[in-house]
Amino acid sequence: MNVRNAGEALYIACEMEKRAIRLYERALAVFADGPCHEAICAILADERNHLHQFTQMGAATPDFERAQLLSAQASQVLFSGGLTEAHRKGAFDSEANLYAYAAEEEAEAIQRYGEFAALLSGGAAAAFTAIQLEEKQHLLKLNDLLSQE
């Protein structure tokens, strides 16, 4: 992924979080009566908080053509198979499975954000480092919930 500045880095992070939010919102609709309802709600709240935080970090919208390219690239990073893939992996069979699935996706985000930070400098690197730290905290929370199952 070719990221040129902090605004683009934050734009990608926001798009990734939006995908996560859409997945968990759809999961609530499809698996409303399943064993994971409360866990899905909690994870969804975390993802919405991430989006809010990243937006507050001052993401400037890149020009329209560049935004489309970045959006297409971000869609291939996290939750690329969407709700169908998550269901196929058994993510909504139990809270433990959901936490494990979410943790796997968070680990991917941490790795990707770290790669971005290493490739960039200045504000863009700092933005991705901050985003990576936030995702690490979320992963710790998920792993803690998983260990309680």
N, C-alpha and C. Protein backbone atom coordinates (compact mmCIF):
# COMPACT_ATOMS: atom_id res chain seq x y z
N MET A 1 0.85 -1.17 0.00
CA MET A 1 0.00 0.00 0.00
C MET A 1 0.89 1.23 0.00
N ASN A 2 0.63 2.15 -0.88
CA ASN A 2 1.43 3.35 -1.02
C ASN A 2 0.77 4.50 -0.26
N VAL A 3 1.27 4.79 0.93
CA VAL A 3 0.71 5.85 1.77
C VAL A 3 1.68 7.01 1.76
N ARG A 4 1.17 8.21 1.48
CA ARG A 4 2.04 9.36 1.31
C ARG A 4 2.12 10.29 2.52
N ASN A 5 1.12 10.28 3.40
CA ASN A 5 1.16 11.21 4.53
C ASN A 5 0.25 10.73 5.66
N ALA A 6 0.27 11.46 6.77
CA ALA A 6 -0.51 11.09 7.94
C ALA A 6 -2.01 11.10 7.64
N GLY A 7 -2.47 12.04 6.85
CA GLY A 7 -3.89 12.08 6.50
C GLY A 7 -4.33 10.82 5.79
N GLU A 8 -3.51 10.34 4.86
CA GLU A 8 -3.83 9.11 4.15
C GLU A 8 -3.77 7.91 5.10
N ALA A 9 -2.79 7.91 5.98
CA ALA A 9 -2.68 6.82 6.96
C ALA A 9 -3.93 6.75 7.82
N LEU A 10 -4.38 7.89 8.28
CA LEU A 10 -5.59 7.93 9.10
C LEU A 10 -6.82 7.57 8.28
N TYR A 11 -6.85 7.96 7.03
CA TYR A 11 -7.97 7.60 6.17
C TYR A 11 -8.07 6.08 6.06
N ILE A 12 -6.94 5.42 5.82
CA ILE A 12 -6.93 3.95 5.73
C ILE A 12 -7.40 3.34 7.04
N ALA A 13 -6.90 3.85 8.15
CA ALA A 13 -7.31 3.32 9.45
C ALA A 13 -8.81 3.48 9.64
N CYS A 14 -9.36 4.62 9.26
CA CYS A 14 -10.81 4.84 9.38
C CYS A 14 -11.58 3.87 8.51
N GLU A 15 -11.12 3.65 7.30
CA GLU A 15 -11.81 2.70 6.41
C GLU A 15 -11.77 1.28 6.97
N MET A 16 -10.65 0.90 7.55
CA MET A 16 -10.55 -0.44 8.15
C MET A 16 -11.53 -0.56 9.32
N GLU A 17 -11.60 0.47 10.14
CA GLU A 17 -12.52 0.44 11.27
C GLU A 17 -13.97 0.42 10.79
N LYS A 18 -14.27 1.13 9.72
CA LYS A 18 -15.63 1.12 9.18
C LYS A 18 -16.03 -0.28 8.74
N ARG A 19 -15.10 -1.01 8.14
CA ARG A 19 -15.37 -2.39 7.73
C ARG A 19 -15.66 -3.26 8.94
N ALA A 20 -14.89 -3.07 9.99
CA ALA A 20 -15.12 -3.84 11.21
C ALA A 20 -16.50 -3.52 11.77
N ILE A 21 -16.84 -2.25 11.80
CA ILE A 21 -18.15 -1.83 12.32
C ILE A 21 -19.27 -2.45 11.50
N ARG A 22 -19.16 -2.40 10.18
CA ARG A 22 -20.20 -3.00 9.33
C ARG A 22 -20.34 -4.49 9.58
N LEU A 23 -19.22 -5.18 9.74
CA LEU A 23 -19.27 -6.62 10.00
C LEU A 23 -20.01 -6.90 11.29
N TYR A 24 -19.66 -6.21 12.37
CA TYR A 24 -20.29 -6.49 13.66
C TYR A 24 -21.74 -6.01 13.69
N GLU A 25 -22.08 -4.95 12.97
CA GLU A 25 -23.48 -4.53 12.88
C GLU A 25 -24.31 -5.60 12.16
N ARG A 26 -23.77 -6.13 11.08
CA ARG A 26 -24.47 -7.21 10.36
C ARG A 26 -24.55 -8.45 11.22
N ALA A 27 -23.51 -8.73 11.98
CA ALA A 27 -23.53 -9.90 12.86
C ALA A 27 -24.65 -9.77 13.89
N LEU A 28 -24.85 -8.57 14.40
CA LEU A 28 -25.95 -8.37 15.37
C LEU A 28 -27.30 -8.67 14.73
N ALA A 29 -27.46 -8.29 13.48
CA ALA A 29 -28.72 -8.54 12.80
C ALA A 29 -28.91 -10.03 12.50
N VAL A 30 -27.88 -10.68 12.03
CA VAL A 30 -27.98 -12.07 11.62
C VAL A 30 -27.98 -13.03 12.81
N PHE A 31 -27.18 -12.73 13.81
CA PHE A 31 -27.03 -13.64 14.95
C PHE A 31 -27.62 -13.04 16.22
N ALA A 32 -28.72 -12.32 16.08
CA ALA A 32 -29.33 -11.61 17.21
C ALA A 32 -29.67 -12.53 18.38
N ASP A 33 -30.06 -13.74 18.10
CA ASP A 33 -30.44 -14.66 19.17
C ASP A 33 -29.32 -15.62 19.55
N GLY A 34 -28.15 -15.43 19.00
CA GLY A 34 -27.04 -16.35 19.25
C GLY A 34 -26.37 -16.11 20.58
N PRO A 35 -25.42 -16.95 20.90
CA PRO A 35 -24.75 -16.87 22.20
C PRO A 35 -23.78 -15.71 22.34
N CYS A 36 -23.56 -14.96 21.28
CA CYS A 36 -22.53 -13.92 21.28
C CYS A 36 -23.09 -12.50 21.28
N HIS A 37 -24.37 -12.34 21.48
CA HIS A 37 -24.99 -11.01 21.34
C HIS A 37 -24.26 -9.95 22.16
N GLU A 38 -24.07 -10.19 23.44
CA GLU A 38 -23.42 -9.18 24.29
C GLU A 38 -21.97 -8.96 23.89
N ALA A 39 -21.28 -10.03 23.53
CA ALA A 39 -19.88 -9.89 23.11
C ALA A 39 -19.77 -9.09 21.82
N ILE A 40 -20.67 -9.35 20.88
CA ILE A 40 -20.66 -8.59 19.63
C ILE A 40 -20.90 -7.11 19.93
N CYS A 41 -21.85 -6.82 20.81
CA CYS A 41 -22.13 -5.43 21.17
C CYS A 41 -20.90 -4.75 21.77
N ALA A 42 -20.19 -5.47 22.62
CA ALA A 42 -19.00 -4.89 23.26
C ALA A 42 -17.89 -4.63 22.24
N ILE A 43 -17.65 -5.59 21.36
CA ILE A 43 -16.62 -5.41 20.34
C ILE A 43 -17.01 -4.29 19.39
N LEU A 44 -18.29 -4.23 19.01
CA LEU A 44 -18.77 -3.16 18.14
C LEU A 44 -18.54 -1.79 18.77
N ALA A 45 -18.81 -1.68 20.06
CA ALA A 45 -18.58 -0.41 20.76
C ALA A 45 -17.10 -0.02 20.70
N ASP A 46 -16.21 -1.00 20.88
CA ASP A 46 -14.77 -0.73 20.79
C ASP A 46 -14.39 -0.24 19.40
N GLU A 47 -14.92 -0.90 18.37
CA GLU A 47 -14.58 -0.51 17.00
C GLU A 47 -15.11 0.89 16.69
N ARG A 48 -16.29 1.21 17.17
CA ARG A 48 -16.83 2.56 16.96
C ARG A 48 -15.96 3.59 17.67
N ASN A 49 -15.48 3.23 18.85
CA ASN A 49 -14.58 4.13 19.59
C ASN A 49 -13.29 4.34 18.82
N HIS A 50 -12.74 3.28 18.25
CA HIS A 50 -11.53 3.41 17.44
C HIS A 50 -11.77 4.37 16.29
N LEU A 51 -12.87 4.20 15.58
CA LEU A 51 -13.17 5.08 14.45
C LEU A 51 -13.26 6.52 14.92
N HIS A 52 -13.92 6.76 16.02
CA HIS A 52 -14.04 8.11 16.55
C HIS A 52 -12.67 8.69 16.88
N GLN A 53 -11.83 7.89 17.55
CA GLN A 53 -10.49 8.36 17.92
C GLN A 53 -9.66 8.69 16.68
N PHE A 54 -9.70 7.81 15.69
CA PHE A 54 -8.89 8.03 14.50
C PHE A 54 -9.38 9.25 13.73
N THR A 55 -10.70 9.43 13.70
CA THR A 55 -11.26 10.61 13.04
C THR A 55 -10.82 11.88 13.76
N GLN A 56 -10.83 11.82 15.09
CA GLN A 56 -10.42 12.97 15.90
C GLN A 56 -8.94 13.30 15.72
N MET A 57 -8.15 12.33 15.29
CA MET A 57 -6.72 12.59 15.09
C MET A 57 -6.49 13.49 13.88
N GLY A 58 -7.54 13.86 13.21
CA GLY A 58 -7.41 14.88 12.18
C GLY A 58 -7.26 14.37 10.77
N ALA A 59 -7.83 13.21 10.49
CA ALA A 59 -7.71 12.68 9.13
C ALA A 59 -8.33 13.63 8.12
N ALA A 60 -7.55 14.06 7.19
CA ALA A 60 -8.03 14.91 6.10
C ALA A 60 -8.40 13.99 4.94
N THR A 61 -9.52 14.26 4.33
CA THR A 61 -9.95 13.42 3.21
C THR A 61 -9.06 13.69 2.00
N PRO A 62 -8.41 12.64 1.50
CA PRO A 62 -7.61 12.83 0.27
C PRO A 62 -8.54 13.11 -0.91
N ASP A 63 -7.95 13.51 -2.02
CA ASP A 63 -8.78 13.77 -3.20
C ASP A 63 -9.58 12.52 -3.56
N PHE A 64 -10.66 12.68 -4.28
CA PHE A 64 -11.63 11.61 -4.50
C PHE A 64 -11.01 10.38 -5.15
N GLU A 65 -10.23 10.55 -6.19
CA GLU A 65 -9.63 9.40 -6.88
C GLU A 65 -8.69 8.65 -5.95
N ARG A 66 -7.88 9.37 -5.20
CA ARG A 66 -6.95 8.75 -4.24
C ARG A 66 -7.73 8.05 -3.14
N ALA A 67 -8.82 8.64 -2.69
CA ALA A 67 -9.65 8.03 -1.65
C ALA A 67 -10.24 6.70 -2.13
N GLN A 68 -10.66 6.65 -3.38
CA GLN A 68 -11.20 5.40 -3.91
C GLN A 68 -10.13 4.31 -3.92
N LEU A 69 -8.94 4.66 -4.34
CA LEU A 69 -7.85 3.69 -4.37
C LEU A 69 -7.53 3.20 -2.96
N LEU A 70 -7.42 4.12 -2.02
CA LEU A 70 -7.13 3.74 -0.65
C LEU A 70 -8.24 2.88 -0.07
N SER A 71 -9.47 3.20 -0.36
CA SER A 71 -10.60 2.42 0.12
C SER A 71 -10.54 1.00 -0.42
N ALA A 72 -10.25 0.87 -1.69
CA ALA A 72 -10.14 -0.46 -2.29
C ALA A 72 -9.01 -1.26 -1.66
N GLN A 73 -7.90 -0.61 -1.38
CA GLN A 73 -6.78 -1.30 -0.76
C GLN A 73 -7.12 -1.70 0.68
N ALA A 74 -7.75 -0.82 1.43
CA ALA A 74 -8.10 -1.12 2.82
C ALA A 74 -9.10 -2.26 2.90
N SER A 75 -9.98 -2.38 1.91
CA SER A 75 -10.99 -3.43 1.94
C SER A 75 -10.39 -4.82 1.85
N GLN A 76 -9.16 -4.90 1.40
CA GLN A 76 -8.50 -6.19 1.25
C GLN A 76 -7.70 -6.57 2.49
N VAL A 77 -7.65 -5.70 3.50
CA VAL A 77 -6.78 -5.94 4.65
C VAL A 77 -7.49 -6.66 5.78
N LEU A 78 -8.49 -6.05 6.37
CA LEU A 78 -9.19 -6.67 7.50
C LEU A 78 -10.60 -7.07 7.10
N PHE A 79 -11.06 -8.16 7.66
CA PHE A 79 -12.42 -8.64 7.43
C PHE A 79 -12.70 -8.76 5.94
N SER A 80 -11.70 -9.20 5.18
CA SER A 80 -11.83 -9.23 3.73
C SER A 80 -12.92 -10.18 3.27
N GLY A 81 -13.22 -11.22 4.04
CA GLY A 81 -14.27 -12.16 3.67
C GLY A 81 -15.62 -11.78 4.23
N GLY A 82 -15.65 -10.71 5.00
CA GLY A 82 -16.90 -10.21 5.57
C GLY A 82 -17.56 -11.17 6.53
N LEU A 83 -18.84 -10.98 6.69
CA LEU A 83 -19.63 -11.77 7.64
C LEU A 83 -19.67 -13.24 7.26
N THR A 84 -19.73 -13.52 5.98
CA THR A 84 -19.79 -14.91 5.53
C THR A 84 -18.55 -15.68 5.95
N GLU A 85 -17.39 -15.08 5.77
CA GLU A 85 -16.15 -15.75 6.18
C GLU A 85 -16.09 -15.91 7.69
N ALA A 86 -16.48 -14.88 8.41
CA ALA A 86 -16.48 -14.97 9.88
C ALA A 86 -17.39 -16.10 10.34
N HIS A 87 -18.55 -16.20 9.73
CA HIS A 87 -19.49 -17.27 10.08
C HIS A 87 -18.90 -18.64 9.72
N ARG A 88 -18.30 -18.72 8.54
CA ARG A 88 -17.68 -19.97 8.10
C ARG A 88 -16.60 -20.43 9.07
N LYS A 89 -15.90 -19.48 9.65
CA LYS A 89 -14.85 -19.80 10.62
C LYS A 89 -15.42 -20.10 12.01
N GLY A 90 -16.74 -20.02 12.16
CA GLY A 90 -17.36 -20.33 13.45
C GLY A 90 -17.29 -19.21 14.46
N ALA A 91 -17.06 -17.98 14.00
CA ALA A 91 -16.87 -16.85 14.91
C ALA A 91 -18.08 -16.58 15.79
N PHE A 92 -19.28 -16.96 15.34
CA PHE A 92 -20.48 -16.62 16.10
C PHE A 92 -21.10 -17.84 16.78
N ASP A 93 -20.33 -18.91 16.87
CA ASP A 93 -20.82 -20.11 17.55
C ASP A 93 -20.75 -19.98 19.06
N SER A 94 -19.82 -19.19 19.53
CA SER A 94 -19.66 -18.98 20.98
C SER A 94 -18.89 -17.69 21.21
N GLU A 95 -18.95 -17.19 22.43
CA GLU A 95 -18.18 -15.99 22.75
C GLU A 95 -16.69 -16.24 22.60
N ALA A 96 -16.23 -17.41 23.01
CA ALA A 96 -14.80 -17.73 22.88
C ALA A 96 -14.37 -17.68 21.42
N ASN A 97 -15.17 -18.26 20.53
CA ASN A 97 -14.84 -18.23 19.11
C ASN A 97 -14.83 -16.80 18.58
N LEU A 98 -15.78 -16.00 19.03
CA LEU A 98 -15.84 -14.60 18.58
C LEU A 98 -14.61 -13.83 19.04
N TYR A 99 -14.24 -14.00 20.31
CA TYR A 99 -13.05 -13.31 20.82
C TYR A 99 -11.81 -13.76 20.06
N ALA A 100 -11.70 -15.05 19.76
CA ALA A 100 -10.54 -15.56 19.03
C ALA A 100 -10.50 -14.98 17.62
N TYR A 101 -11.66 -14.93 16.96
CA TYR A 101 -11.72 -14.36 15.61
C TYR A 101 -11.35 -12.88 15.63
N ALA A 102 -11.93 -12.13 16.56
CA ALA A 102 -11.64 -10.70 16.66
C ALA A 102 -10.17 -10.47 16.98
N ALA A 103 -9.60 -11.29 17.85
CA ALA A 103 -8.18 -11.16 18.21
C ALA A 103 -7.29 -11.41 16.99
N GLU A 104 -7.66 -12.38 16.18
CA GLU A 104 -6.90 -12.67 14.97
C GLU A 104 -6.91 -11.46 14.03
N GLU A 105 -8.06 -10.83 13.88
CA GLU A 105 -8.16 -9.65 13.03
C GLU A 105 -7.37 -8.47 13.62
N GLU A 106 -7.42 -8.32 14.94
CA GLU A 106 -6.66 -7.25 15.59
C GLU A 106 -5.16 -7.47 15.40
N ALA A 107 -4.71 -8.72 15.50
CA ALA A 107 -3.29 -9.02 15.30
C ALA A 107 -2.86 -8.63 13.88
N GLU A 108 -3.73 -8.89 12.91
CA GLU A 108 -3.43 -8.49 11.53
C GLU A 108 -3.33 -6.97 11.41
N ALA A 109 -4.24 -6.27 12.08
CA ALA A 109 -4.21 -4.81 12.05
C ALA A 109 -2.93 -4.28 12.68
N ILE A 110 -2.54 -4.86 13.81
CA ILE A 110 -1.31 -4.44 14.50
C ILE A 110 -0.11 -4.61 13.58
N GLN A 111 -0.04 -5.74 12.93
CA GLN A 111 1.08 -6.00 12.02
C GLN A 111 1.07 -4.99 10.87
N ARG A 112 -0.09 -4.77 10.27
CA ARG A 112 -0.19 -3.87 9.13
C ARG A 112 0.16 -2.44 9.51
N TYR A 113 -0.37 -1.98 10.65
CA TYR A 113 -0.08 -0.62 11.09
C TYR A 113 1.41 -0.47 11.43
N GLY A 114 2.02 -1.51 11.99
CA GLY A 114 3.45 -1.46 12.26
C GLY A 114 4.27 -1.36 10.98
N GLU A 115 3.84 -2.09 9.95
CA GLU A 115 4.52 -2.00 8.65
C GLU A 115 4.41 -0.59 8.09
N PHE A 116 3.22 0.00 8.20
CA PHE A 116 3.05 1.36 7.71
C PHE A 116 3.96 2.32 8.46
N ALA A 117 3.99 2.19 9.78
CA ALA A 117 4.82 3.09 10.61
C ALA A 117 6.29 2.97 10.22
N ALA A 118 6.75 1.74 9.94
CA ALA A 118 8.15 1.53 9.58
C ALA A 118 8.49 2.11 8.21
N LEU A 119 7.51 2.16 7.33
CA LEU A 119 7.74 2.67 5.97
C LEU A 119 7.73 4.19 5.90
N LEU A 120 7.14 4.82 6.89
CA LEU A 120 6.92 6.26 6.84
C LEU A 120 7.80 7.00 7.83
N SER A 121 7.70 8.30 7.81
CA SER A 121 8.42 9.12 8.77
C SER A 121 7.52 10.27 9.19
N GLY A 122 7.95 11.01 10.17
CA GLY A 122 7.22 12.20 10.61
C GLY A 122 5.83 11.90 11.12
N GLY A 123 4.88 12.74 10.73
CA GLY A 123 3.51 12.64 11.21
C GLY A 123 2.82 11.35 10.82
N ALA A 124 3.10 10.86 9.62
CA ALA A 124 2.48 9.62 9.17
C ALA A 124 2.93 8.45 10.03
N ALA A 125 4.23 8.36 10.30
CA ALA A 125 4.75 7.29 11.16
C ALA A 125 4.18 7.40 12.57
N ALA A 126 4.11 8.61 13.08
CA ALA A 126 3.55 8.82 14.43
C ALA A 126 2.08 8.43 14.48
N ALA A 127 1.34 8.75 13.42
CA ALA A 127 -0.08 8.39 13.38
C ALA A 127 -0.26 6.88 13.41
N PHE A 128 0.51 6.16 12.59
CA PHE A 128 0.38 4.71 12.58
C PHE A 128 0.87 4.08 13.87
N THR A 129 1.88 4.65 14.49
CA THR A 129 2.35 4.13 15.78
C THR A 129 1.26 4.29 16.83
N ALA A 130 0.59 5.42 16.84
CA ALA A 130 -0.51 5.65 17.79
C ALA A 130 -1.67 4.70 17.53
N ILE A 131 -1.99 4.50 16.27
CA ILE A 131 -3.07 3.58 15.90
C ILE A 131 -2.69 2.16 16.31
N GLN A 132 -1.45 1.78 16.07
CA GLN A 132 -0.98 0.44 16.43
C GLN A 132 -1.08 0.23 17.94
N LEU A 133 -0.73 1.22 18.72
CA LEU A 133 -0.82 1.12 20.18
C LEU A 133 -2.27 0.91 20.61
N GLU A 134 -3.19 1.64 20.02
CA GLU A 134 -4.61 1.48 20.33
C GLU A 134 -5.08 0.06 20.02
N GLU A 135 -4.66 -0.47 18.88
CA GLU A 135 -5.05 -1.82 18.50
C GLU A 135 -4.41 -2.86 19.43
N LYS A 136 -3.20 -2.62 19.88
CA LYS A 136 -2.56 -3.54 20.84
C LYS A 136 -3.36 -3.60 22.14
N GLN A 137 -3.85 -2.45 22.58
CA GLN A 137 -4.66 -2.42 23.80
C GLN A 137 -5.96 -3.19 23.60
N HIS A 138 -6.55 -3.07 22.43
CA HIS A 138 -7.77 -3.81 22.12
C HIS A 138 -7.48 -5.31 22.08
N LEU A 139 -6.36 -5.71 21.50
CA LEU A 139 -5.99 -7.11 21.45
C LEU A 139 -5.78 -7.67 22.86
N LEU A 140 -5.13 -6.91 23.73
CA LEU A 140 -4.95 -7.35 25.11
C LEU A 140 -6.29 -7.58 25.79
N LYS A 141 -7.23 -6.68 25.55
CA LYS A 141 -8.56 -6.82 26.13
C LYS A 141 -9.25 -8.08 25.61
N LEU A 142 -9.17 -8.31 24.30
CA LEU A 142 -9.77 -9.51 23.73
C LEU A 142 -9.13 -10.78 24.27
N ASN A 143 -7.80 -10.79 24.36
CA ASN A 143 -7.11 -11.97 24.90
C ASN A 143 -7.46 -12.20 26.36
N ASP A 144 -7.66 -11.12 27.11
CA ASP A 144 -8.09 -11.26 28.50
C ASP A 144 -9.49 -11.88 28.55
N LEU A 145 -10.39 -11.41 27.71
CA LEU A 145 -11.74 -11.98 27.67
C LEU A 145 -11.69 -13.44 27.24
N LEU A 146 -10.83 -13.74 26.30
CA LEU A 146 -10.68 -15.11 25.81
C LEU A 146 -10.16 -16.02 26.92
N SER A 147 -9.24 -15.53 27.73
CA SER A 147 -8.69 -16.37 28.80
C SER A 147 -9.70 -16.61 29.92
N GLN A 148 -10.74 -15.78 29.99
CA GLN A 148 -11.78 -15.96 31.01
C GLN A 148 -12.84 -16.95 30.57
N GLU A 149 -12.84 -17.33 29.30
CA GLU A 149 -13.85 -18.26 28.79
C GLU A 149 -13.57 -19.66 29.25
